[in-house]
Amino acid sequence: MSYNSKIDPTEPFPEDLSTLDDCALHVLNSKVHRELDAEYLHGGAEMETEFRRDELTEELNRRVANEHRRGLSGTVSYLEHAI
């Protein structure tokens, strides 16, 4: 079995990134960024690879925002009980 640290724009890509666990999402993000690096070295990025990067960034940002909101709601709850 060989391991590829990049994902070619013609390879399958999940339709719904929200179904991936955090680890799988970060691995996929790394593979897309490594593919982008390789494409830039060979003349320019493929539109599909850039689209995938944008989708991954959006999903990662969504998860960070959700985690931040959960943290804030816990803080508000703690403060409400302290008053």
PDB file of N, CA and C in Angstrom:
ATOM      1  N   MET A   1       0.845  -1.184   0.000  1.00  0.00           N
ATOM      2  CA  MET A   1       0.000   0.000   0.000  1.00  0.00           C
ATOM      3  C   MET A   1       0.888   1.243   0.000  1.00  0.00           C
ATOM      4  N   SER A   2       0.574   2.169  -0.866  1.00  0.00           N
ATOM      5  CA  SER A   2       1.345   3.408  -0.907  1.00  0.00           C
ATOM      6  C   SER A   2       0.519   4.543  -0.313  1.00  0.00           C
ATOM      7  N   TYR A   3       1.230   5.495   0.223  1.00  0.00           N
ATOM      8  CA  TYR A   3       0.573   6.642   0.841  1.00  0.00           C
ATOM      9  C   TYR A   3       0.860   7.864  -0.006  1.00  0.00           C
ATOM     10  N   ASN A   4      -0.165   8.625  -0.289  1.00  0.00           N
ATOM     11  CA  ASN A   4       0.002   9.855  -1.043  1.00  0.00           C
ATOM     12  C   ASN A   4      -0.365  11.028  -0.147  1.00  0.00           C
ATOM     13  N   SER A   5       0.546  11.961  -0.009  1.00  0.00           N
ATOM     14  CA  SER A   5       0.299  13.100   0.879  1.00  0.00           C
ATOM     15  C   SER A   5      -0.426  14.244   0.169  1.00  0.00           C
ATOM     16  N   LYS A   6      -0.836  14.015  -1.063  1.00  0.00           N
ATOM     17  CA  LYS A   6      -1.592  15.028  -1.811  1.00  0.00           C
ATOM     18  C   LYS A   6      -2.866  14.378  -2.331  1.00  0.00           C
ATOM     19  N   ILE A   7      -3.821  15.223  -2.717  1.00  0.00           N
ATOM     20  CA  ILE A   7      -5.045  14.719  -3.338  1.00  0.00           C
ATOM     21  C   ILE A   7      -5.225  15.425  -4.675  1.00  0.00           C
ATOM     22  N   ASP A   8      -5.130  14.659  -5.722  1.00  0.00           N
ATOM     23  CA  ASP A   8      -5.272  15.154  -7.088  1.00  0.00           C
ATOM     24  C   ASP A   8      -6.697  15.662  -7.301  1.00  0.00           C
ATOM     25  N   PRO A   9      -6.862  16.723  -8.091  1.00  0.00           N
ATOM     26  CA  PRO A   9      -8.216  17.271  -8.296  1.00  0.00           C
ATOM     27  C   PRO A   9      -9.203  16.292  -8.941  1.00  0.00           C
ATOM     28  N   THR A  10      -8.695  15.217  -9.537  1.00  0.00           N
ATOM     29  CA  THR A  10      -9.594  14.232 -10.154  1.00  0.00           C
ATOM     30  C   THR A  10     -10.005  13.133  -9.183  1.00  0.00           C
ATOM     31  N   GLU A  11      -9.363  13.075  -8.013  1.00  0.00           N
ATOM     32  CA  GLU A  11      -9.711  12.059  -7.023  1.00  0.00           C
ATOM     33  C   GLU A  11     -11.013  12.428  -6.315  1.00  0.00           C
ATOM     34  N   PRO A  12     -11.721  11.413  -5.824  1.00  0.00           N
ATOM     35  CA  PRO A  12     -12.980  11.688  -5.102  1.00  0.00           C
ATOM     36  C   PRO A  12     -12.747  12.607  -3.906  1.00  0.00           C
ATOM     37  N   PHE A  13     -13.755  13.413  -3.640  1.00  0.00           N
ATOM     38  CA  PHE A  13     -13.717  14.391  -2.551  1.00  0.00           C
ATOM     39  C   PHE A  13     -15.084  14.349  -1.866  1.00  0.00           C
ATOM     40  N   PRO A  14     -15.120  14.369  -0.537  1.00  0.00           N
ATOM     41  CA  PRO A  14     -16.419  14.299   0.154  1.00  0.00           C
ATOM     42  C   PRO A  14     -17.362  15.432  -0.248  1.00  0.00           C
ATOM     43  N   GLU A  15     -18.621  15.081  -0.434  1.00  0.00           N
ATOM     44  CA  GLU A  15     -19.618  16.098  -0.770  1.00  0.00           C
ATOM     45  C   GLU A  15     -19.991  16.935   0.445  1.00  0.00           C
ATOM     46  N   ASP A  16     -19.977  16.318   1.617  1.00  0.00           N
ATOM     47  CA  ASP A  16     -20.375  17.009   2.838  1.00  0.00           C
ATOM     48  C   ASP A  16     -19.249  16.901   3.865  1.00  0.00           C
ATOM     49  N   LEU A  17     -18.475  17.966   3.996  1.00  0.00           N
ATOM     50  CA  LEU A  17     -17.327  17.954   4.903  1.00  0.00           C
ATOM     51  C   LEU A  17     -17.750  17.898   6.368  1.00  0.00           C
ATOM     52  N   SER A  18     -18.972  18.273   6.660  1.00  0.00           N
ATOM     53  CA  SER A  18     -19.434  18.268   8.053  1.00  0.00           C
ATOM     54  C   SER A  18     -19.543  16.848   8.605  1.00  0.00           C
ATOM     55  N   THR A  19     -19.549  15.853   7.735  1.00  0.00           N
ATOM     56  CA  THR A  19     -19.649  14.464   8.192  1.00  0.00           C
ATOM     57  C   THR A  19     -18.293  13.904   8.624  1.00  0.00           C
ATOM     58  N   LEU A  20     -17.203  14.593   8.310  1.00  0.00           N
ATOM     59  CA  LEU A  20     -15.870  14.124   8.675  1.00  0.00           C
ATOM     60  C   LEU A  20     -15.546  14.480  10.116  1.00  0.00           C
ATOM     61  N   ASP A  21     -14.838  13.579  10.802  1.00  0.00           N
ATOM     62  CA  ASP A  21     -14.383  13.947  12.142  1.00  0.00           C
ATOM     63  C   ASP A  21     -13.212  14.921  11.996  1.00  0.00           C
ATOM     64  N   ASP A  22     -12.831  15.540  13.094  1.00  0.00           N
ATOM     65  CA  ASP A  22     -11.797  16.581  13.051  1.00  0.00           C
ATOM     66  C   ASP A  22     -10.488  16.084  12.448  1.00  0.00           C
ATOM     67  N   CYS A  23     -10.074  14.886  12.830  1.00  0.00           N
ATOM     68  CA  CYS A  23      -8.807  14.333  12.340  1.00  0.00           C
ATOM     69  C   CYS A  23      -8.849  14.158  10.820  1.00  0.00           C
ATOM     70  N   ALA A  24      -9.905  13.548  10.307  1.00  0.00           N
ATOM     71  CA  ALA A  24     -10.036  13.332   8.864  1.00  0.00           C
ATOM     72  C   ALA A  24     -10.085  14.663   8.116  1.00  0.00           C
ATOM     73  N   LEU A  25     -10.745  15.649   8.691  1.00  0.00           N
ATOM     74  CA  LEU A  25     -10.827  16.965   8.058  1.00  0.00           C
ATOM     75  C   LEU A  25      -9.445  17.613   7.971  1.00  0.00           C
ATOM     76  N   HIS A  26      -8.666  17.500   9.041  1.00  0.00           N
ATOM     77  CA  HIS A  26      -7.329  18.093   9.033  1.00  0.00           C
ATOM     78  C   HIS A  26      -6.389  17.369   8.073  1.00  0.00           C
ATOM     79  N   VAL A  27      -6.515  16.055   7.965  1.00  0.00           N
ATOM     80  CA  VAL A  27      -5.698  15.299   7.008  1.00  0.00           C
ATOM     81  C   VAL A  27      -6.052  15.721   5.585  1.00  0.00           C
ATOM     82  N   LEU A  28      -7.333  15.820   5.302  1.00  0.00           N
ATOM     83  CA  LEU A  28      -7.771  16.238   3.969  1.00  0.00           C
ATOM     84  C   LEU A  28      -7.294  17.654   3.665  1.00  0.00           C
ATOM     85  N   ASN A  29      -7.377  18.534   4.633  1.00  0.00           N
ATOM     86  CA  ASN A  29      -6.902  19.902   4.467  1.00  0.00           C
ATOM     87  C   ASN A  29      -5.405  19.914   4.119  1.00  0.00           C
ATOM     88  N   SER A  30      -4.637  19.118   4.822  1.00  0.00           N
ATOM     89  CA  SER A  30      -3.200  19.027   4.564  1.00  0.00           C
ATOM     90  C   SER A  30      -2.929  18.523   3.146  1.00  0.00           C
ATOM     91  N   LYS A  31      -3.655  17.496   2.733  1.00  0.00           N
ATOM     92  CA  LYS A  31      -3.464  16.942   1.387  1.00  0.00           C
ATOM     93  C   LYS A  31      -3.792  17.965   0.296  1.00  0.00           C
ATOM     94  N   VAL A  32      -4.856  18.722   0.501  1.00  0.00           N
ATOM     95  CA  VAL A  32      -5.234  19.740  -0.489  1.00  0.00           C
ATOM     96  C   VAL A  32      -4.172  20.839  -0.553  1.00  0.00           C
ATOM     97  N   HIS A  33      -3.668  21.262   0.599  1.00  0.00           N
ATOM     98  CA  HIS A  33      -2.635  22.298   0.596  1.00  0.00           C
ATOM     99  C   HIS A  33      -1.338  21.801  -0.033  1.00  0.00           C
ATOM    100  N   ARG A  34      -0.986  20.539   0.196  1.00  0.00           N
ATOM    101  CA  ARG A  34       0.209  19.985  -0.446  1.00  0.00           C
ATOM    102  C   ARG A  34       0.007  19.896  -1.963  1.00  0.00           C
ATOM    103  N   GLU A  35      -1.197  19.573  -2.389  1.00  0.00           N
ATOM    104  CA  GLU A  35      -1.506  19.538  -3.823  1.00  0.00           C
ATOM    105  C   GLU A  35      -1.392  20.940  -4.414  1.00  0.00           C
ATOM    106  N   LEU A  36      -1.926  21.927  -3.704  1.00  0.00           N
ATOM    107  CA  LEU A  36      -1.815  23.308  -4.182  1.00  0.00           C
ATOM    108  C   LEU A  36      -0.350  23.720  -4.337  1.00  0.00           C
ATOM    109  N   ASP A  37       0.471  23.395  -3.344  1.00  0.00           N
ATOM    110  CA  ASP A  37       1.904  23.712  -3.428  1.00  0.00           C
ATOM    111  C   ASP A  37       2.521  23.098  -4.674  1.00  0.00           C
ATOM    112  N   ALA A  38       2.212  21.835  -4.931  1.00  0.00           N
ATOM    113  CA  ALA A  38       2.763  21.150  -6.109  1.00  0.00           C
ATOM    114  C   ALA A  38       2.268  21.793  -7.398  1.00  0.00           C
ATOM    115  N   GLU A  39       1.000  22.154  -7.438  1.00  0.00           N
ATOM    116  CA  GLU A  39       0.442  22.776  -8.644  1.00  0.00           C
ATOM    117  C   GLU A  39       1.077  24.136  -8.901  1.00  0.00           C
ATOM    118  N   TYR A  40       1.288  24.920  -7.856  1.00  0.00           N
ATOM    119  CA  TYR A  40       1.933  26.222  -8.026  1.00  0.00           C
ATOM    120  C   TYR A  40       3.349  26.060  -8.568  1.00  0.00           C
ATOM    121  N   LEU A  41       4.036  25.012  -8.122  1.00  0.00           N
ATOM    122  CA  LEU A  41       5.399  24.767  -8.607  1.00  0.00           C
ATOM    123  C   LEU A  41       5.422  24.402 -10.088  1.00  0.00           C
ATOM    124  N   HIS A  42       4.300  23.875 -10.569  1.00  0.00           N
ATOM    125  CA  HIS A  42       4.228  23.447 -11.974  1.00  0.00           C
ATOM    126  C   HIS A  42       3.395  24.378 -12.834  1.00  0.00           C
ATOM    127  N   GLY A  43       3.260  25.623 -12.432  1.00  0.00           N
ATOM    128  CA  GLY A  43       2.637  26.598 -13.314  1.00  0.00           C
ATOM    129  C   GLY A  43       1.357  27.238 -12.832  1.00  0.00           C
ATOM    130  N   GLY A  44       0.690  26.694 -11.862  1.00  0.00           N
ATOM    131  CA  GLY A  44      -0.527  27.331 -11.368  1.00  0.00           C
ATOM    132  C   GLY A  44      -1.515  26.317 -10.843  1.00  0.00           C
ATOM    133  N   ALA A  45      -2.364  26.781  -9.970  1.00  0.00           N
ATOM    134  CA  ALA A  45      -3.321  25.895  -9.307  1.00  0.00           C
ATOM    135  C   ALA A  45      -4.518  25.595 -10.199  1.00  0.00           C
ATOM    136  N   GLU A  46      -5.015  24.385 -10.053  1.00  0.00           N
ATOM    137  CA  GLU A  46      -6.254  23.979 -10.717  1.00  0.00           C
ATOM    138  C   GLU A  46      -7.435  24.619  -9.977  1.00  0.00           C
ATOM    139  N   MET A  47      -8.454  25.003 -10.716  1.00  0.00           N
ATOM    140  CA  MET A  47      -9.634  25.602 -10.089  1.00  0.00           C
ATOM    141  C   MET A  47     -10.277  24.660  -9.079  1.00  0.00           C
ATOM    142  N   GLU A  48     -10.315  23.371  -9.402  1.00  0.00           N
ATOM    143  CA  GLU A  48     -10.936  22.395  -8.494  1.00  0.00           C
ATOM    144  C   GLU A  48     -10.191  22.337  -7.165  1.00  0.00           C
ATOM    145  N   THR A  49      -8.865  22.385  -7.216  1.00  0.00           N
ATOM    146  CA  THR A  49      -8.075  22.335  -5.982  1.00  0.00           C
ATOM    147  C   THR A  49      -8.312  23.590  -5.160  1.00  0.00           C
ATOM    148  N   GLU A  50      -8.394  24.736  -5.811  1.00  0.00           N
ATOM    149  CA  GLU A  50      -8.677  25.977  -5.076  1.00  0.00           C
ATOM    150  C   GLU A  50     -10.079  25.949  -4.473  1.00  0.00           C
ATOM    151  N   PHE A  51     -11.030  25.399  -5.212  1.00  0.00           N
ATOM    152  CA  PHE A  51     -12.396  25.274  -4.711  1.00  0.00           C
ATOM    153  C   PHE A  51     -12.420  24.377  -3.471  1.00  0.00           C
ATOM    154  N   ARG A  52     -11.685  23.271  -3.531  1.00  0.00           N
ATOM    155  CA  ARG A  52     -11.614  22.358  -2.389  1.00  0.00           C
ATOM    156  C   ARG A  52     -10.989  23.048  -1.174  1.00  0.00           C
ATOM    157  N   ARG A  53      -9.937  23.817  -1.406  1.00  0.00           N
ATOM    158  CA  ARG A  53      -9.305  24.547  -0.304  1.00  0.00           C
ATOM    159  C   ARG A  53     -10.306  25.493   0.340  1.00  0.00           C
ATOM    160  N   ASP A  54     -11.069  26.195  -0.487  1.00  0.00           N
ATOM    161  CA  ASP A  54     -12.063  27.137   0.027  1.00  0.00           C
ATOM    162  C   ASP A  54     -13.148  26.422   0.839  1.00  0.00           C
ATOM    163  N   GLU A  55     -13.591  25.260   0.365  1.00  0.00           N
ATOM    164  CA  GLU A  55     -14.591  24.483   1.104  1.00  0.00           C
ATOM    165  C   GLU A  55     -14.049  24.039   2.455  1.00  0.00           C
ATOM    166  N   LEU A  56     -12.802  23.570   2.454  1.00  0.00           N
ATOM    167  CA  LEU A  56     -12.182  23.130   3.703  1.00  0.00           C
ATOM    168  C   LEU A  56     -12.024  24.292   4.679  1.00  0.00           C
ATOM    169  N   THR A  57     -11.588  25.429   4.180  1.00  0.00           N
ATOM    170  CA  THR A  57     -11.425  26.608   5.030  1.00  0.00           C
ATOM    171  C   THR A  57     -12.761  27.002   5.642  1.00  0.00           C
ATOM    172  N   GLU A  58     -13.812  26.966   4.848  1.00  0.00           N
ATOM    173  CA  GLU A  58     -15.150  27.306   5.339  1.00  0.00           C
ATOM    174  C   GLU A  58     -15.586  26.344   6.446  1.00  0.00           C
ATOM    175  N   GLU A  59     -15.360  25.051   6.250  1.00  0.00           N
ATOM    176  CA  GLU A  59     -15.757  24.062   7.265  1.00  0.00           C
ATOM    177  C   GLU A  59     -14.922  24.207   8.535  1.00  0.00           C
ATOM    178  N   LEU A  60     -13.620  24.418   8.386  1.00  0.00           N
ATOM    179  CA  LEU A  60     -12.770  24.618   9.560  1.00  0.00           C
ATOM    180  C   LEU A  60     -13.191  25.869  10.321  1.00  0.00           C
ATOM    181  N   ASN A  61     -13.477  26.943   9.615  1.00  0.00           N
ATOM    182  CA  ASN A  61     -13.931  28.180  10.260  1.00  0.00           C
ATOM    183  C   ASN A  61     -15.270  27.976  10.975  1.00  0.00           C
ATOM    184  N   ARG A  62     -16.150  27.198  10.362  1.00  0.00           N
ATOM    185  CA  ARG A  62     -17.454  26.913  10.981  1.00  0.00           C
ATOM    186  C   ARG A  62     -17.252  26.169  12.299  1.00  0.00           C
ATOM    187  N   ARG A  63     -16.345  25.199  12.292  1.00  0.00           N
ATOM    188  CA  ARG A  63     -16.106  24.422  13.517  1.00  0.00           C
ATOM    189  C   ARG A  63     -15.476  25.277  14.607  1.00  0.00           C
ATOM    190  N   VAL A  64     -14.559  26.137  14.230  1.00  0.00           N
ATOM    191  CA  VAL A  64     -13.941  27.029  15.217  1.00  0.00           C
ATOM    192  C   VAL A  64     -15.002  27.957  15.802  1.00  0.00           C
ATOM    193  N   ALA A  65     -15.862  28.511  14.952  1.00  0.00           N
ATOM    194  CA  ALA A  65     -16.914  29.416  15.427  1.00  0.00           C
ATOM    195  C   ALA A  65     -17.880  28.682  16.355  1.00  0.00           C
ATOM    196  N   ASN A  66     -18.251  27.450  16.002  1.00  0.00           N
ATOM    197  CA  ASN A  66     -19.152  26.670  16.856  1.00  0.00           C
ATOM    198  C   ASN A  66     -18.511  26.385  18.199  1.00  0.00           C
ATOM    199  N   GLU A  67     -17.243  26.043  18.196  1.00  0.00           N
ATOM    200  CA  GLU A  67     -16.536  25.772  19.449  1.00  0.00           C
ATOM    201  C   GLU A  67     -16.450  27.041  20.291  1.00  0.00           C
ATOM    202  N   HIS A  68     -16.203  28.155  19.632  1.00  0.00           N
ATOM    203  CA  HIS A  68     -16.124  29.437  20.338  1.00  0.00           C
ATOM    204  C   HIS A  68     -17.475  29.775  20.973  1.00  0.00           C
ATOM    205  N   ARG A  69     -18.563  29.561  20.223  1.00  0.00           N
ATOM    206  CA  ARG A  69     -19.903  29.834  20.760  1.00  0.00           C
ATOM    207  C   ARG A  69     -20.204  28.936  21.954  1.00  0.00           C
ATOM    208  N   ARG A  70     -19.819  27.656  21.855  1.00  0.00           N
ATOM    209  CA  ARG A  70     -20.046  26.748  22.986  1.00  0.00           C
ATOM    210  C   ARG A  70     -19.264  27.211  24.203  1.00  0.00           C
ATOM    211  N   GLY A  71     -18.042  27.659  23.983  1.00  0.00           N
ATOM    212  CA  GLY A  71     -17.219  28.164  25.084  1.00  0.00           C
ATOM    213  C   GLY A  71     -17.823  29.401  25.709  1.00  0.00           C
ATOM    214  N   LEU A  72     -18.326  30.299  24.871  1.00  0.00           N
ATOM    215  CA  LEU A  72     -18.946  31.522  25.384  1.00  0.00           C
ATOM    216  C   LEU A  72     -20.226  31.219  26.139  1.00  0.00           C
ATOM    217  N   SER A  73     -21.007  30.293  25.648  1.00  0.00           N
ATOM    218  CA  SER A  73     -22.257  29.988  26.352  1.00  0.00           C
ATOM    219  C   SER A  73     -21.949  29.377  27.709  1.00  0.00           C
ATOM    220  N   GLY A  74     -20.882  28.598  27.813  1.00  0.00           N
ATOM    221  CA  GLY A  74     -20.476  28.066  29.104  1.00  0.00           C
ATOM    222  C   GLY A  74     -20.018  29.163  30.031  1.00  0.00           C
ATOM    223  N   THR A  75     -19.331  30.158  29.493  1.00  0.00           N
ATOM    224  CA  THR A  75     -18.863  31.288  30.294  1.00  0.00           C
ATOM    225  C   THR A  75     -20.044  32.105  30.788  1.00  0.00           C
ATOM    226  N   VAL A  76     -21.008  32.355  29.918  1.00  0.00           N
ATOM    227  CA  VAL A  76     -22.191  33.121  30.302  1.00  0.00           C
ATOM    228  C   VAL A  76     -22.942  32.373  31.389  1.00  0.00           C
ATOM    229  N   SER A  77     -23.097  31.076  31.218  1.00  0.00           N
ATOM    230  CA  SER A  77     -23.789  30.283  32.220  1.00  0.00           C
ATOM    231  C   SER A  77     -23.071  30.356  33.552  1.00  0.00           C
ATOM    232  N   TYR A  78     -21.778  30.259  33.545  1.00  0.00           N
ATOM    233  CA  TYR A  78     -20.984  30.339  34.768  1.00  0.00           C
ATOM    234  C   TYR A  78     -21.168  31.700  35.427  1.00  0.00           C
ATOM    235  N   LEU A  79     -21.141  32.775  34.619  1.00  0.00           N
ATOM    236  CA  LEU A  79     -21.300  34.116  35.165  1.00  0.00           C
ATOM    237  C   LEU A  79     -22.683  34.339  35.739  1.00  0.00           C
ATOM    238  N   GLU A  80     -23.702  33.789  35.077  1.00  0.00           N
ATOM    239  CA  GLU A  80     -25.061  33.935  35.574  1.00  0.00           C
ATOM    240  C   GLU A  80     -25.215  33.303  36.957  1.00  0.00           C
ATOM    241  N   HIS A  81     -24.562  32.147  37.160  1.00  0.00           N
ATOM    242  CA  HIS A  81     -24.650  31.477  38.462  1.00  0.00           C
ATOM    243  C   HIS A  81     -23.824  32.199  39.516  1.00  0.00           C
ATOM    244  N   ALA A  82     -22.831  32.930  39.092  1.00  0.00           N
ATOM    245  CA  ALA A  82     -21.959  33.629  40.049  1.00  0.00           C
ATOM    246  C   ALA A  82     -22.627  34.889  40.596  1.00  0.00           C
ATOM    247  N   ILE A  83     -23.583  35.416  39.839  1.00  0.00           N
ATOM    248  CA  ILE A  83     -24.222  36.683  40.243  1.00  0.00           C
ATOM    249  C   ILE A  83     -25.331  36.450  41.229  1.00  0.00           C
TER     250      ILE A  83
END
